Structures are given as structure tokens and as C-alpha cells.
Amino acid sequence: MQLRLIMSLHTFLLVLSACGDPASAPQDDSAHKPAPSPNNNHSYVPVFANLALDCIHKEYSNKIAHLMSSGQDLKPPRELYPAFYGCFDWHSSVHGHWLLVRLLNTHPDLIDRPALISKLNQSFTRENITGEIINYQRPGMASFERPYGIAWLLQLTTELRQSTLPEAKSWLTELEPLEALAVDNMTAWLPKLTHPIRTGEHSQTAFAFGLMLDWSRAAGNVMFESLLSSRIRAFYLNDRDCPLEYEPSGQDFLSPCIAQADLMRRVMDQVEFSAWLDDFLPGLNSKTGDVWLAPATVTDKTDGKLAHLDGLNTSRAWMLEGIIAGLPTDDARRPTLTATVEAHREAGLSAVLGDMHYMGSHWLGSFATYLQTQRGLPDT
């Protein structure tokens, strides 16, 4: 079903003011940050919630992507993925569930709280998660949804850990065995990975590593944080002159260059990160001006791959905010970065709040929520 959500121009302009400038601070995210702007009416909140409510238990259309060893592995999505069968694909279902928990944490008074809790109760049963684990433990499935979907799974359990909802503890308890299996698989994979994956789609490591690093700190998993941090520095520390002019590819939803910079600010202090960024993006300097990086344009919203560019605009916006947060407050690049954030925010939100096809609506709400609730940023 095609989802059509049309906002008035006045409301849309109010939505665009949702985030203020982030300030640099220690890397400690919270599920209960204050509203990004005291003057914002948060009209976007129910819109985003409804996008996830519309899809997390919508089985079809569906794209199944896993190894099949026999006819026994050929089953409908609901049987393969009892908790995460909706929203077109597994990873979108996972971050659709994250979206609902996130809004319950940040804006509980602006959503239909009982409806969201009912939907999550329907998904997070022991029987459903056991079914997910059985599927994940099949031979050849260790690489399932690696790294993108697994990163979102850890983001979901991070959100539950930081929640004060009475239901969150029981939901987390059910998900923890699946979480542990995912972390074990990632722990086994990271030492074997000899090169980073620099695409603009699901296989990109920079974006996934950022979410995983945030999880390790929220969960207090020092061993995984240490392993991941060492691999991040080995992969990315010596990179120079990132070819931003080659971006975007025609179906990117993540920027390889911007995502890498947003990742590195998580493992460096401000002084080290500022110096590293000098070499990594030398075209970004005090003389760059407001026009630095233009938003991408989607020409066909019914084409799932072309529609990725709407997500690129949104993810660039939050990653650029992350870069700003990693720089000293007097850094001369901040005005250029801020102007670029706002151009991409406007382009990204106009896609989510406008006329959308299911090829976009099943996942773009999560990206917009991540941006507008300032997830992944240090506390201000």
C-alpha cells in the first residue's frame, strides 16, 4: 500500500527547525535528551511513528536475503523471521522497531503510546525471538545482515537499555540471547576483516561500526569496545584526501567519506579529530563558504534503489552534525558544516513528510527519527 503523508508548508517549516547546533561534549548518548528546539511543535513525531506502525507487521511485499541449504529454508517471511518479518526486509523491520522504542523514550506524550507498546509486545515474545535465533544459527548464517542489520539490532537493544519504560526490561531480556549471538559473530569476524568496506550501501563498515561502538559503551562491553576501536584505527586512521567528489553513487544511502569522519570523532578527542579531518577532507576549510556539498535528488520514488538517495540526504545531515560535535567550538569549519546540515535536513525531511512510495516509507522514517532526535550525538 502506498503511504501518502502530506504536511502543510507551515508545519513543514516548523519541523525543519527541530534540531539546534550540537556542542562538543564527552561521548555519552542518552535516550532522554531534551527536545532539540524549545520552539519546535514536534509535528513530525506521529508521522514517523505511523510509518513504523504501518510496516513492522506488514509481511508483503518482502525481500528475503539469506542462504538456503535445502527446501526447508524456503518459508514465508513470518516463519523465517517471527519478530522481524515486516517492513520489506529484516534490517528495516529491526530499525522500525527501534523507531517505536526511540519515540516512546523521547516523545511519549506525542504518540499513541498504548498502540506502540501493543505492537512491540506482539513482536518481542520468547517464541518469536527463539525463532529468530534458530534461523540465525543455521549453517552459513553467521554473515546474515552483517554489518548493517546487526548494527541496527544493537542500536535497538541500546535503546531498550537506556529506556525507563516498564516494558523495556522484559523486551530486552527476550532479545539478549539474539544480541549475544550477534556480538559473538561480529567478534569472530572483526579480526578476519583485512580491509574496511567503503560502499554507500548496507555493507559499509564505517556506519555500522559507529552504531556498534555506541552499543558497546551503553552495554558496558569493554572487550568488544576495545576490539572494535582497535580495528577502526587500523582501518581508517591513516586515510587522507577522501574523494568526496566521487559521491554519491547512484543508489547510495550512506556517504563513505562523511560516515568515516562521523565514526572517527567517536574514537578521538577534539584536538586529534580536528587534525585528522584536516588531512581527510582538505577541501573543507575556513575558505570553503556555505556551498560545499549539495543534496542528492531522487528521480523515481517507486524504484527502491534510486530512492536510497533520500536516505543519503538524511544520513549525511546527522553525520555532519556528528562531525560538528567532534570539533572544537571555535573551529572555522563549523559554519560551512552547519549550512550543509540544514540543506540536507530540508531535502531529507521533505522526502519523509511528503508524497512517499512504500519503497521509501518502509525505512526512511527510521533515518528521519535518528536525525531529528539527535541519536548518536554526545549529550549537550
Protein backbone atom coordinates (compact mmCIF):
# COMPACT_ATOMS: atom_id res chain seq x y z
CA MET A 1 0.00 0.00 0.00
CA GLN A 2 1.32 3.40 -0.93
CA LEU A 3 1.58 5.72 2.04
CA ARG A 4 0.72 9.35 1.42
CA LEU A 5 1.57 11.82 4.15
CA ILE A 6 1.18 15.45 3.21
CA MET A 7 2.19 18.23 5.54
CA SER A 8 1.30 21.89 5.21
CA LEU A 9 4.14 24.24 4.32
CA HIS A 10 3.81 25.97 7.67
CA THR A 11 4.09 22.70 9.61
CA PHE A 12 6.96 21.53 7.45
CA LEU A 13 8.95 24.67 8.16
CA LEU A 14 8.38 24.13 11.86
CA VAL A 15 9.68 20.59 11.51
CA LEU A 16 12.83 21.81 9.84
CA SER A 17 13.74 23.73 12.98
CA ALA A 18 13.73 20.58 15.08
CA CYS A 19 17.49 20.40 15.82
CA GLY A 20 19.79 23.03 17.22
CA ASP A 21 23.55 23.15 16.85
CA PRO A 22 25.18 20.34 18.83
CA ALA A 23 28.01 21.29 21.16
CA SER A 24 31.09 19.24 21.77
CA ALA A 25 30.92 17.01 24.85
CA PRO A 26 32.03 13.58 26.06
CA GLN A 27 30.75 10.66 24.00
CA ASP A 28 27.78 9.55 26.10
CA ASP A 29 24.45 9.29 24.30
CA SER A 30 21.17 9.27 26.19
CA ALA A 31 17.71 8.15 25.26
CA HIS A 32 16.24 11.11 27.14
CA LYS A 33 17.82 14.18 25.60
CA PRO A 34 15.74 17.38 25.82
CA ALA A 35 13.85 18.40 22.71
CA PRO A 36 16.20 19.69 20.02
CA SER A 37 14.49 23.09 19.97
CA PRO A 38 12.22 24.62 22.63
CA ASN A 39 10.14 26.28 19.90
CA ASN A 40 9.51 23.11 17.90
CA ASN A 41 5.99 21.63 17.99
CA HIS A 42 7.27 18.15 17.07
CA SER A 43 4.62 17.64 14.37
CA TYR A 44 6.92 15.07 12.83
CA VAL A 45 6.69 12.65 15.77
CA PRO A 46 3.34 10.96 14.96
CA VAL A 47 4.23 10.95 11.27
CA PHE A 48 7.39 8.96 11.90
CA ALA A 49 5.64 6.66 14.38
CA ASN A 50 2.90 5.85 11.87
CA LEU A 51 5.46 4.89 9.24
CA ALA A 52 6.79 2.16 11.53
CA LEU A 53 3.36 1.14 12.79
CA ASP A 54 2.29 0.70 9.17
CA CYS A 55 5.06 -1.73 8.31
CA ILE A 56 6.52 -3.74 11.22
CA HIS A 57 3.80 -6.40 10.91
CA LYS A 58 3.21 -5.96 7.19
CA GLU A 59 4.56 -9.16 5.66
CA TYR A 60 4.38 -8.29 1.97
CA SER A 61 5.92 -7.05 -0.21
CA ASN A 62 9.11 -8.63 1.13
CA LYS A 63 12.71 -9.16 0.12
CA ILE A 64 14.26 -12.24 1.72
CA ALA A 65 18.06 -12.36 1.66
CA HIS A 66 19.72 -15.37 3.23
CA LEU A 67 21.49 -18.61 2.39
CA MET A 68 19.19 -21.59 1.70
CA SER A 69 20.70 -25.02 2.26
CA SER A 70 17.57 -27.03 1.46
CA GLY A 71 13.87 -26.73 0.75
CA GLN A 72 13.30 -26.46 4.49
CA ASP A 73 14.77 -22.98 4.35
CA LEU A 74 12.16 -21.84 1.81
CA LYS A 75 9.40 -20.42 4.00
CA PRO A 76 7.26 -17.28 4.19
CA PRO A 77 8.84 -14.30 5.98
CA ARG A 78 6.65 -14.72 9.07
CA GLU A 79 8.05 -18.21 9.64
CA LEU A 80 11.65 -17.32 8.87
CA TYR A 81 11.75 -14.14 10.97
CA PRO A 82 8.94 -14.34 13.55
CA ALA A 83 9.83 -10.99 15.16
CA PHE A 84 11.29 -9.05 12.23
CA TYR A 85 9.35 -10.18 9.15
CA GLY A 86 7.76 -6.84 8.20
CA CYS A 87 8.91 -3.60 6.57
CA PHE A 88 10.06 -5.27 3.31
CA ASP A 89 13.31 -6.68 4.75
CA TRP A 90 14.82 -7.81 8.04
CA HIS A 91 17.02 -4.81 8.77
CA SER A 92 14.22 -2.32 8.03
CA SER A 93 11.95 -4.21 10.41
CA VAL A 94 14.63 -4.06 13.10
CA HIS A 95 15.09 -0.32 12.81
CA GLY A 96 11.33 0.14 12.51
CA HIS A 97 11.07 -1.43 15.97
CA TRP A 98 13.93 0.81 17.11
CA LEU A 99 11.99 3.84 15.84
CA LEU A 100 8.99 2.99 18.05
CA VAL A 101 11.15 2.46 21.15
CA ARG A 102 13.04 5.67 20.41
CA LEU A 103 9.87 7.76 20.24
CA LEU A 104 8.50 6.10 23.37
CA ASN A 105 11.72 7.22 25.05
CA THR A 106 11.88 10.74 23.66
CA HIS A 107 8.28 11.84 22.99
CA PRO A 108 5.87 9.56 24.90
CA ASP A 109 3.19 12.27 25.13
CA LEU A 110 3.08 12.93 21.38
CA ILE A 111 2.33 9.40 20.19
CA ASP A 112 -0.32 6.72 20.72
CA ARG A 113 1.67 5.12 23.49
CA PRO A 114 -0.63 2.08 24.06
CA ALA A 115 -0.63 1.29 20.33
CA LEU A 116 3.15 1.34 20.16
CA ILE A 117 3.56 -0.81 23.26
CA SER A 118 1.00 -3.30 21.94
CA LYS A 119 2.89 -3.63 18.66
CA LEU A 120 6.20 -4.17 20.45
CA ASN A 121 4.65 -6.71 22.81
CA GLN A 122 3.42 -8.58 19.75
CA SER A 123 6.96 -8.79 18.37
CA PHE A 124 9.15 -9.30 21.43
CA THR A 125 7.87 -12.64 22.68
CA ARG A 126 10.12 -15.51 23.71
CA GLU A 127 8.67 -17.69 20.96
CA ASN A 128 9.39 -15.08 18.28
CA ILE A 129 12.95 -14.40 19.38
CA THR A 130 13.64 -18.12 19.69
CA GLY A 131 12.54 -18.43 16.07
CA GLU A 132 14.92 -15.64 15.09
CA ILE A 133 17.78 -17.40 16.88
CA ILE A 134 17.02 -20.74 15.23
CA ASN A 135 17.20 -19.09 11.82
CA TYR A 136 20.38 -17.17 12.67
CA GLN A 137 22.11 -20.32 13.91
CA ARG A 138 21.60 -22.28 10.70
CA PRO A 139 24.81 -23.25 8.84
CA GLY A 140 26.10 -20.43 6.68
CA MET A 141 24.15 -17.72 8.50
CA ALA A 142 26.97 -16.15 10.53
CA SER A 143 27.21 -13.39 7.93
CA PHE A 144 23.45 -12.75 7.92
CA GLU A 145 22.73 -8.99 7.86
CA ARG A 146 26.37 -8.23 8.54
CA PRO A 147 27.18 -5.49 9.29
CA TYR A 148 24.19 -3.18 8.68
CA GLY A 149 21.28 -5.16 10.11
CA ILE A 150 23.34 -6.35 13.08
CA ALA A 151 24.33 -2.76 13.83
CA TRP A 152 20.64 -1.79 13.96
CA LEU A 153 19.86 -4.76 16.19
CA LEU A 154 22.46 -3.47 18.65
CA GLN A 155 21.03 0.03 18.32
CA LEU A 156 17.63 -1.42 19.25
CA THR A 157 18.97 -3.09 22.39
CA THR A 158 20.89 0.09 23.23
CA GLU A 159 17.62 2.00 23.14
CA LEU A 160 15.99 -0.56 25.42
CA ARG A 161 18.90 -0.41 27.88
CA GLN A 162 18.56 3.34 28.16
CA SER A 163 14.78 3.30 28.50
CA THR A 164 12.73 3.88 31.64
CA LEU A 165 9.67 2.16 30.18
CA PRO A 166 8.41 -0.58 32.49
CA GLU A 167 8.16 -2.91 29.48
CA ALA A 168 11.67 -2.23 28.22
CA LYS A 169 13.42 -4.54 30.67
CA SER A 170 11.31 -7.55 29.70
CA TRP A 171 11.72 -6.79 25.98
CA LEU A 172 15.48 -6.56 26.43
CA THR A 173 15.53 -9.82 28.37
CA GLU A 174 13.92 -11.59 25.44
CA LEU A 175 16.29 -10.00 22.91
CA GLU A 176 19.53 -10.53 24.83
CA PRO A 177 20.20 -14.09 23.55
CA LEU A 178 19.89 -12.84 19.95
CA GLU A 179 22.08 -9.86 20.82
CA ALA A 180 24.73 -12.14 22.36
CA LEU A 181 24.80 -14.35 19.27
CA ALA A 182 25.20 -11.30 17.04
CA VAL A 183 28.08 -9.95 19.14
CA ASP A 184 29.80 -13.34 19.12
CA ASN A 185 29.57 -13.46 15.32
CA MET A 186 30.92 -9.92 15.00
CA THR A 187 33.74 -10.67 17.45
CA ALA A 188 34.79 -13.64 15.34
CA TRP A 189 34.58 -11.62 12.10
CA LEU A 190 36.41 -8.42 13.03
CA PRO A 191 39.93 -9.91 13.36
CA LYS A 192 39.47 -11.64 9.97
CA LEU A 193 38.39 -8.49 8.14
CA THR A 194 41.54 -7.23 6.43
CA HIS A 195 40.10 -4.11 4.77
CA PRO A 196 37.22 -1.77 5.54
CA ILE A 197 34.16 -1.88 3.27
CA ARG A 198 33.72 1.54 1.71
CA THR A 199 30.43 1.27 -0.19
CA GLY A 200 27.45 3.60 0.16
CA GLU A 201 25.01 0.79 0.97
CA HIS A 202 24.41 -1.95 3.54
CA SER A 203 27.87 -3.49 3.51
CA GLN A 204 29.62 -0.25 4.55
CA THR A 205 31.59 -0.77 7.74
CA ALA A 206 32.03 2.85 8.91
CA PHE A 207 28.34 3.46 9.62
CA ALA A 208 27.82 0.06 11.21
CA PHE A 209 30.91 0.39 13.36
CA GLY A 210 29.59 3.69 14.73
CA LEU A 211 26.35 2.10 15.91
CA MET A 212 28.20 -0.91 17.29
CA LEU A 213 30.64 1.29 19.18
CA ASP A 214 27.75 3.22 20.71
CA TRP A 215 26.22 -0.11 21.76
CA SER A 216 29.43 -1.34 23.37
CA ARG A 217 29.60 1.76 25.55
CA ALA A 218 25.94 1.65 26.54
CA ALA A 219 26.15 -2.07 27.30
CA GLY A 220 29.48 -1.72 29.14
CA ASN A 221 31.09 -4.36 26.93
CA VAL A 222 34.70 -3.26 27.33
CA MET A 223 36.18 -6.18 25.39
CA PHE A 224 34.07 -5.55 22.30
CA GLU A 225 34.68 -1.79 22.51
CA SER A 226 38.44 -2.39 22.68
CA LEU A 227 38.41 -4.81 19.75
CA LEU A 228 36.25 -2.55 17.60
CA SER A 229 38.20 0.62 18.46
CA SER A 230 41.47 -1.04 17.52
CA ARG A 231 40.06 -2.21 14.19
CA ILE A 232 38.65 1.27 13.48
CA ARG A 233 42.04 2.88 13.97
CA ALA A 234 43.78 0.21 11.93
CA PHE A 235 41.33 0.64 9.05
CA TYR A 236 40.89 4.40 8.96
CA LEU A 237 43.47 6.35 10.96
CA ASN A 238 45.93 6.93 8.11
CA ASP A 239 43.37 7.78 5.43
CA ARG A 240 43.92 11.04 3.55
CA ASP A 241 42.16 13.04 0.83
CA CYS A 242 38.85 11.20 0.79
CA PRO A 243 37.44 11.53 -2.78
CA LEU A 244 34.20 13.27 -1.86
CA GLU A 245 33.83 14.44 -5.46
CA TYR A 246 33.12 10.82 -6.44
CA GLU A 247 30.00 10.81 -4.26
CA PRO A 248 27.27 9.94 -4.43
CA SER A 249 26.95 6.76 -6.38
CA GLY A 250 23.52 6.41 -7.93
CA GLN A 251 21.99 4.29 -5.18
CA ASP A 252 23.89 5.34 -2.05
CA PHE A 253 22.08 5.92 1.22
CA LEU A 254 25.30 6.35 3.20
CA SER A 255 28.27 8.56 2.35
CA PRO A 256 31.57 6.65 2.57
CA CYS A 257 33.56 9.81 3.35
CA ILE A 258 31.12 11.51 5.73
CA ALA A 259 30.33 8.27 7.57
CA GLN A 260 34.02 7.63 8.12
CA ALA A 261 34.53 11.07 9.62
CA ASP A 262 31.48 10.63 11.86
CA LEU A 263 32.96 7.34 13.02
CA MET A 264 36.42 8.73 13.75
CA ARG A 265 35.13 11.50 16.02
CA ARG A 266 33.90 8.67 18.27
CA VAL A 267 37.43 7.39 18.91
CA MET A 268 39.33 10.70 19.10
CA ASP A 269 39.35 13.75 21.29
CA GLN A 270 38.66 17.13 19.67
CA VAL A 271 42.27 18.06 19.05
CA GLU A 272 43.17 14.75 17.41
CA PHE A 273 39.97 14.67 15.37
CA SER A 274 40.39 18.24 14.14
CA ALA A 275 43.91 17.48 12.89
CA TRP A 276 42.82 14.20 11.32
CA LEU A 277 39.95 15.95 9.50
CA ASP A 278 42.40 18.49 8.03
CA ASP A 279 44.04 15.70 6.07
CA PHE A 280 40.97 13.58 5.43
CA LEU A 281 38.79 16.34 3.93
CA PRO A 282 41.25 19.07 2.89
CA GLY A 283 38.61 20.75 0.74
CA LEU A 284 36.68 21.60 3.89
CA ASN A 285 38.38 24.63 5.43
CA SER A 286 37.80 28.20 6.60
CA LYS A 287 37.56 29.43 3.00
CA THR A 288 35.06 26.87 1.75
CA GLY A 289 31.94 29.00 2.26
CA ASP A 290 28.36 27.79 2.51
CA VAL A 291 28.29 25.78 -0.72
CA TRP A 292 30.27 22.63 -0.04
CA LEU A 293 28.16 19.51 -0.55
CA ALA A 294 24.85 19.54 -2.46
CA PRO A 295 21.94 17.25 -1.54
CA ALA A 296 21.09 14.46 -3.96
CA THR A 297 17.84 14.26 -5.98
CA VAL A 298 15.60 11.21 -6.39
CA THR A 299 14.05 10.88 -9.84
CA ASP A 300 11.78 7.87 -9.18
CA LYS A 301 10.48 7.17 -5.68
CA THR A 302 8.94 3.85 -6.77
CA ASP A 303 12.41 2.47 -7.51
CA GLY A 304 13.79 1.16 -4.23
CA LYS A 305 17.42 1.64 -5.23
CA LEU A 306 17.00 5.16 -6.64
CA ALA A 307 15.02 6.11 -3.52
CA HIS A 308 18.16 5.39 -1.49
CA LEU A 309 19.31 8.94 -2.23
CA ASP A 310 16.56 10.33 0.01
CA GLY A 311 18.17 8.42 2.86
CA LEU A 312 21.59 9.70 1.83
CA ASN A 313 20.48 13.27 2.41
CA THR A 314 19.16 12.40 5.86
CA SER A 315 22.16 10.33 6.95
CA ARG A 316 24.56 12.98 5.69
CA ALA A 317 22.73 15.53 7.86
CA TRP A 318 23.13 13.54 11.09
CA MET A 319 26.70 12.52 10.28
CA LEU A 320 27.68 16.13 9.60
CA GLU A 321 26.15 17.05 12.96
CA GLY A 322 28.34 14.36 14.47
CA ILE A 323 31.41 15.88 12.82
CA ILE A 324 30.47 19.30 14.22
CA ALA A 325 30.11 17.75 17.68
CA GLY A 326 33.63 16.33 17.41
CA LEU A 327 35.27 19.68 16.61
CA PRO A 328 36.29 22.49 18.97
CA THR A 329 33.62 25.17 19.38
CA ASP A 330 35.77 27.78 17.63
CA ASP A 331 36.63 25.59 14.63
CA ALA A 332 36.37 27.66 11.42
CA ARG A 333 34.69 24.80 9.54
CA ARG A 334 31.60 24.82 11.73
CA PRO A 335 29.59 27.46 9.74
CA THR A 336 30.09 25.58 6.47
CA LEU A 337 29.15 22.29 8.10
CA THR A 338 26.06 23.81 9.72
CA ALA A 339 24.83 25.24 6.42
CA THR A 340 25.38 21.87 4.76
CA VAL A 341 23.48 20.09 7.54
CA GLU A 342 20.45 22.31 7.06
CA ALA A 343 20.39 21.87 3.27
CA HIS A 344 20.46 18.10 3.69
CA ARG A 345 17.94 18.14 6.55
CA GLU A 346 15.46 20.02 4.39
CA ALA A 347 15.96 17.65 1.46
CA GLY A 348 15.74 14.55 3.64
CA LEU A 349 12.68 15.58 5.62
CA SER A 350 10.81 16.78 2.56
CA ALA A 351 11.01 13.20 1.28
CA VAL A 352 9.71 11.70 4.52
CA LEU A 353 6.98 14.26 5.13
CA GLY A 354 5.82 14.44 1.54
CA ASP A 355 4.37 12.03 -1.01
CA MET A 356 6.11 8.68 -0.46
CA HIS A 357 6.01 5.22 -2.02
CA TYR A 358 6.41 2.12 0.14
CA MET A 359 9.90 1.70 -1.30
CA GLY A 360 10.84 4.70 0.83
CA SER A 361 8.27 4.71 3.60
CA HIS A 362 9.27 1.30 4.99
CA TRP A 363 12.67 2.65 6.12
CA LEU A 364 13.05 6.42 5.77
CA GLY A 365 11.12 7.13 8.97
CA SER A 366 13.90 5.49 10.98
CA PHE A 367 16.52 7.67 9.32
CA ALA A 368 14.45 10.80 9.93
CA THR A 369 13.92 9.82 13.57
CA TYR A 370 17.64 9.21 14.07
CA LEU A 371 18.30 12.71 12.71
CA GLN A 372 15.55 14.62 14.47
CA THR A 373 16.03 13.04 17.89
CA GLN A 374 19.81 13.60 17.66
CA ARG A 375 20.62 9.95 18.23
CA GLY A 376 24.32 9.18 18.25
CA LEU A 377 25.33 12.69 19.27
CA PRO A 378 27.05 13.41 22.57
CA ASP A 379 24.91 14.99 25.25
CA THR A 380 24.75 18.76 25.01
